[in-house]
N, C-alpha and C. Protein backbone atom coordinates (compact mmCIF):
# COMPACT_ATOMS: atom_id res chain seq x y z
N MET A 1 78.32 106.20 196.81
CA MET A 1 78.84 106.83 195.62
C MET A 1 79.10 108.30 195.97
N THR A 2 80.26 108.79 195.56
CA THR A 2 80.59 110.19 195.84
C THR A 2 79.79 111.12 194.94
N ASP A 3 79.76 112.38 195.32
CA ASP A 3 79.05 113.38 194.54
C ASP A 3 79.64 113.50 193.14
N ASN A 4 80.97 113.47 193.04
CA ASN A 4 81.62 113.56 191.72
C ASN A 4 81.23 112.39 190.82
N VAL A 5 81.22 111.20 191.37
CA VAL A 5 80.85 110.02 190.59
C VAL A 5 79.39 110.11 190.16
N SER A 6 78.54 110.57 191.06
CA SER A 6 77.12 110.72 190.73
C SER A 6 76.92 111.69 189.56
N LYS A 7 77.67 112.78 189.58
CA LYS A 7 77.56 113.76 188.50
C LYS A 7 78.02 113.17 187.17
N ILE A 8 79.11 112.43 187.20
CA ILE A 8 79.64 111.81 185.97
C ILE A 8 78.64 110.80 185.42
N VAL A 9 78.12 109.96 186.28
CA VAL A 9 77.15 108.95 185.84
C VAL A 9 75.89 109.62 185.30
N GLY A 10 75.42 110.64 185.97
CA GLY A 10 74.24 111.36 185.50
C GLY A 10 74.45 111.98 184.13
N ALA A 11 75.62 112.59 183.94
CA ALA A 11 75.94 113.19 182.63
C ALA A 11 76.07 112.11 181.57
N PHE A 12 76.68 110.98 181.91
CA PHE A 12 76.85 109.87 180.97
C PHE A 12 75.50 109.36 180.49
N LEU A 13 74.54 109.24 181.40
CA LEU A 13 73.22 108.73 181.04
C LEU A 13 72.45 109.66 180.12
N LYS A 14 72.82 110.93 180.09
CA LYS A 14 72.16 111.90 179.22
C LYS A 14 72.74 111.90 177.80
N LEU A 15 73.83 111.18 177.58
CA LEU A 15 74.48 111.15 176.27
C LEU A 15 73.75 110.23 175.30
N SER A 16 73.95 110.49 174.01
CA SER A 16 73.44 109.57 172.99
C SER A 16 74.31 108.30 173.00
N GLN A 17 73.86 107.27 172.33
CA GLN A 17 74.63 106.03 172.28
C GLN A 17 76.01 106.24 171.66
N ALA A 18 76.09 107.04 170.62
CA ALA A 18 77.38 107.32 169.97
C ALA A 18 78.32 108.06 170.93
N GLU A 19 77.77 109.01 171.67
CA GLU A 19 78.58 109.76 172.63
C GLU A 19 79.05 108.85 173.77
N ARG A 20 78.18 107.95 174.20
CA ARG A 20 78.57 107.00 175.26
C ARG A 20 79.71 106.11 174.79
N ARG A 21 79.63 105.63 173.54
CA ARG A 21 80.71 104.78 173.01
C ARG A 21 82.03 105.54 173.00
N LYS A 22 82.00 106.82 172.62
CA LYS A 22 83.21 107.63 172.57
C LYS A 22 83.79 107.82 173.97
N VAL A 23 82.93 108.09 174.95
CA VAL A 23 83.39 108.26 176.33
C VAL A 23 84.04 106.97 176.83
N VAL A 24 83.42 105.83 176.57
CA VAL A 24 83.98 104.55 177.00
C VAL A 24 85.33 104.32 176.33
N GLU A 25 85.44 104.66 175.05
CA GLU A 25 86.69 104.51 174.32
C GLU A 25 87.80 105.38 174.94
N VAL A 26 87.49 106.63 175.23
CA VAL A 26 88.48 107.53 175.82
C VAL A 26 88.89 107.06 177.21
N VAL A 27 87.93 106.66 178.04
CA VAL A 27 88.25 106.19 179.39
C VAL A 27 89.12 104.93 179.34
N ALA A 28 88.82 104.02 178.43
CA ALA A 28 89.63 102.81 178.30
C ALA A 28 91.07 103.17 177.92
N LYS A 29 91.24 104.12 177.01
CA LYS A 29 92.58 104.55 176.62
C LYS A 29 93.30 105.24 177.78
N LEU A 30 92.56 106.03 178.54
CA LEU A 30 93.17 106.70 179.69
C LEU A 30 93.67 105.70 180.72
N GLN A 31 92.92 104.62 180.92
CA GLN A 31 93.30 103.61 181.92
C GLN A 31 94.54 102.85 181.52
N THR A 32 94.81 102.72 180.24
CA THR A 32 95.96 101.95 179.79
C THR A 32 97.12 102.83 179.32
N ALA A 33 96.97 104.15 179.40
CA ALA A 33 98.02 105.06 178.94
C ALA A 33 99.23 104.98 179.87
N PRO A 34 100.42 104.88 179.27
CA PRO A 34 101.63 104.83 180.09
C PRO A 34 102.02 106.21 180.59
N GLY A 35 102.68 106.26 181.71
CA GLY A 35 103.18 107.53 182.22
C GLY A 35 102.12 108.39 182.86
N ALA A 36 102.56 109.55 183.30
CA ALA A 36 101.67 110.49 183.97
C ALA A 36 100.73 111.15 182.96
N LEU A 37 99.49 111.28 183.35
CA LEU A 37 98.50 111.94 182.51
C LEU A 37 98.25 113.33 183.06
N ASN A 38 98.51 114.32 182.25
CA ASN A 38 98.15 115.68 182.65
C ASN A 38 97.09 116.19 181.69
N GLU A 39 96.47 117.28 182.04
CA GLU A 39 95.33 117.77 181.27
C GLU A 39 95.70 118.05 179.81
N SER A 40 96.84 118.69 179.57
CA SER A 40 97.20 119.03 178.19
C SER A 40 97.47 117.78 177.36
N ARG A 41 98.07 116.76 177.96
CA ARG A 41 98.32 115.51 177.24
C ARG A 41 97.01 114.82 176.88
N ILE A 42 96.07 114.81 177.79
CA ILE A 42 94.77 114.19 177.53
C ILE A 42 94.06 114.93 176.40
N ILE A 43 94.07 116.27 176.46
CA ILE A 43 93.41 117.08 175.43
C ILE A 43 93.98 116.78 174.06
N LYS A 44 95.31 116.75 173.95
CA LYS A 44 95.97 116.52 172.66
C LYS A 44 95.81 115.08 172.18
N SER A 45 95.90 114.13 173.08
CA SER A 45 95.85 112.72 172.71
C SER A 45 94.48 112.25 172.24
N PHE A 46 93.44 112.85 172.75
CA PHE A 46 92.10 112.35 172.47
C PHE A 46 91.24 113.31 171.67
N GLY A 47 91.86 114.32 171.05
CA GLY A 47 91.10 115.23 170.19
C GLY A 47 90.08 116.05 170.94
N LEU A 48 90.43 116.49 172.14
CA LEU A 48 89.49 117.24 172.96
C LEU A 48 89.85 118.72 173.01
N GLU A 49 90.42 119.24 171.92
CA GLU A 49 90.85 120.63 171.89
C GLU A 49 89.72 121.60 172.21
N SER A 50 88.50 121.22 171.91
CA SER A 50 87.36 122.10 172.20
C SER A 50 87.20 122.32 173.70
N MET A 51 87.76 121.43 174.53
CA MET A 51 87.66 121.58 175.98
C MET A 51 88.72 122.54 176.52
N GLU A 52 89.78 122.75 175.75
CA GLU A 52 90.88 123.60 176.22
C GLU A 52 90.39 125.03 176.35
N ASN A 53 90.61 125.60 177.50
CA ASN A 53 90.19 126.97 177.80
C ASN A 53 88.70 127.19 177.57
N SER A 54 87.90 126.16 177.80
CA SER A 54 86.47 126.27 177.55
C SER A 54 85.73 127.00 178.66
N THR A 55 86.34 127.06 179.83
CA THR A 55 85.68 127.72 180.95
C THR A 55 86.50 128.91 181.40
N THR A 56 85.89 130.06 181.38
CA THR A 56 86.55 131.26 181.86
C THR A 56 85.68 131.87 182.94
N ILE A 57 86.29 132.11 184.07
CA ILE A 57 85.58 132.73 185.18
C ILE A 57 86.30 134.04 185.50
N ASN A 58 85.58 135.13 185.45
CA ASN A 58 86.15 136.43 185.74
C ASN A 58 85.51 136.96 187.00
N PHE A 59 86.31 137.09 188.06
CA PHE A 59 85.80 137.57 189.33
C PHE A 59 86.00 139.08 189.51
N ALA A 60 86.49 139.73 188.48
CA ALA A 60 86.72 141.18 188.57
C ALA A 60 85.39 141.92 188.55
N PRO A 61 85.35 143.06 189.23
CA PRO A 61 84.12 143.86 189.21
C PRO A 61 83.83 144.35 187.79
N ILE A 62 82.56 144.38 187.46
CA ILE A 62 82.17 144.88 186.14
C ILE A 62 81.21 146.03 186.34
N PRO A 63 81.15 146.94 185.37
CA PRO A 63 80.21 148.06 185.52
C PRO A 63 78.78 147.55 185.67
N GLY A 64 78.09 148.06 186.64
CA GLY A 64 76.70 147.65 186.85
C GLY A 64 76.54 146.49 187.80
N GLY A 65 77.64 145.85 188.18
CA GLY A 65 77.57 144.75 189.12
C GLY A 65 77.42 143.40 188.46
N CYS A 66 77.32 142.41 189.29
CA CYS A 66 77.21 141.03 188.82
C CYS A 66 75.86 140.80 188.14
N PRO A 67 75.89 140.20 186.93
CA PRO A 67 74.62 139.95 186.25
C PRO A 67 73.75 138.91 186.93
N THR A 68 74.35 138.09 187.80
CA THR A 68 73.60 137.05 188.49
C THR A 68 72.98 137.56 189.80
N CYS A 69 73.83 138.15 190.64
CA CYS A 69 73.32 138.55 191.97
C CYS A 69 73.09 140.04 192.10
N GLY A 70 73.61 140.85 191.17
CA GLY A 70 73.39 142.28 191.21
C GLY A 70 74.34 143.04 192.12
N LYS A 71 75.23 142.36 192.81
CA LYS A 71 76.17 143.03 193.73
C LYS A 71 77.34 143.61 192.97
């Protein structure tokens, strides 16, 4: 099993039963969706707008240095 698959399975096992049913529903729809699937189409089609722009990484220097490593 690849590292990516292991992470997905691990995250899936931490979900509630209702959340697991929703994930299975979305994956089933993704597998049968016609045409090319891109991220924006998936977000709009499955009501995942909360995922859009959910991760922001800023590598610019900040005053005082990095809060994690101090550099």
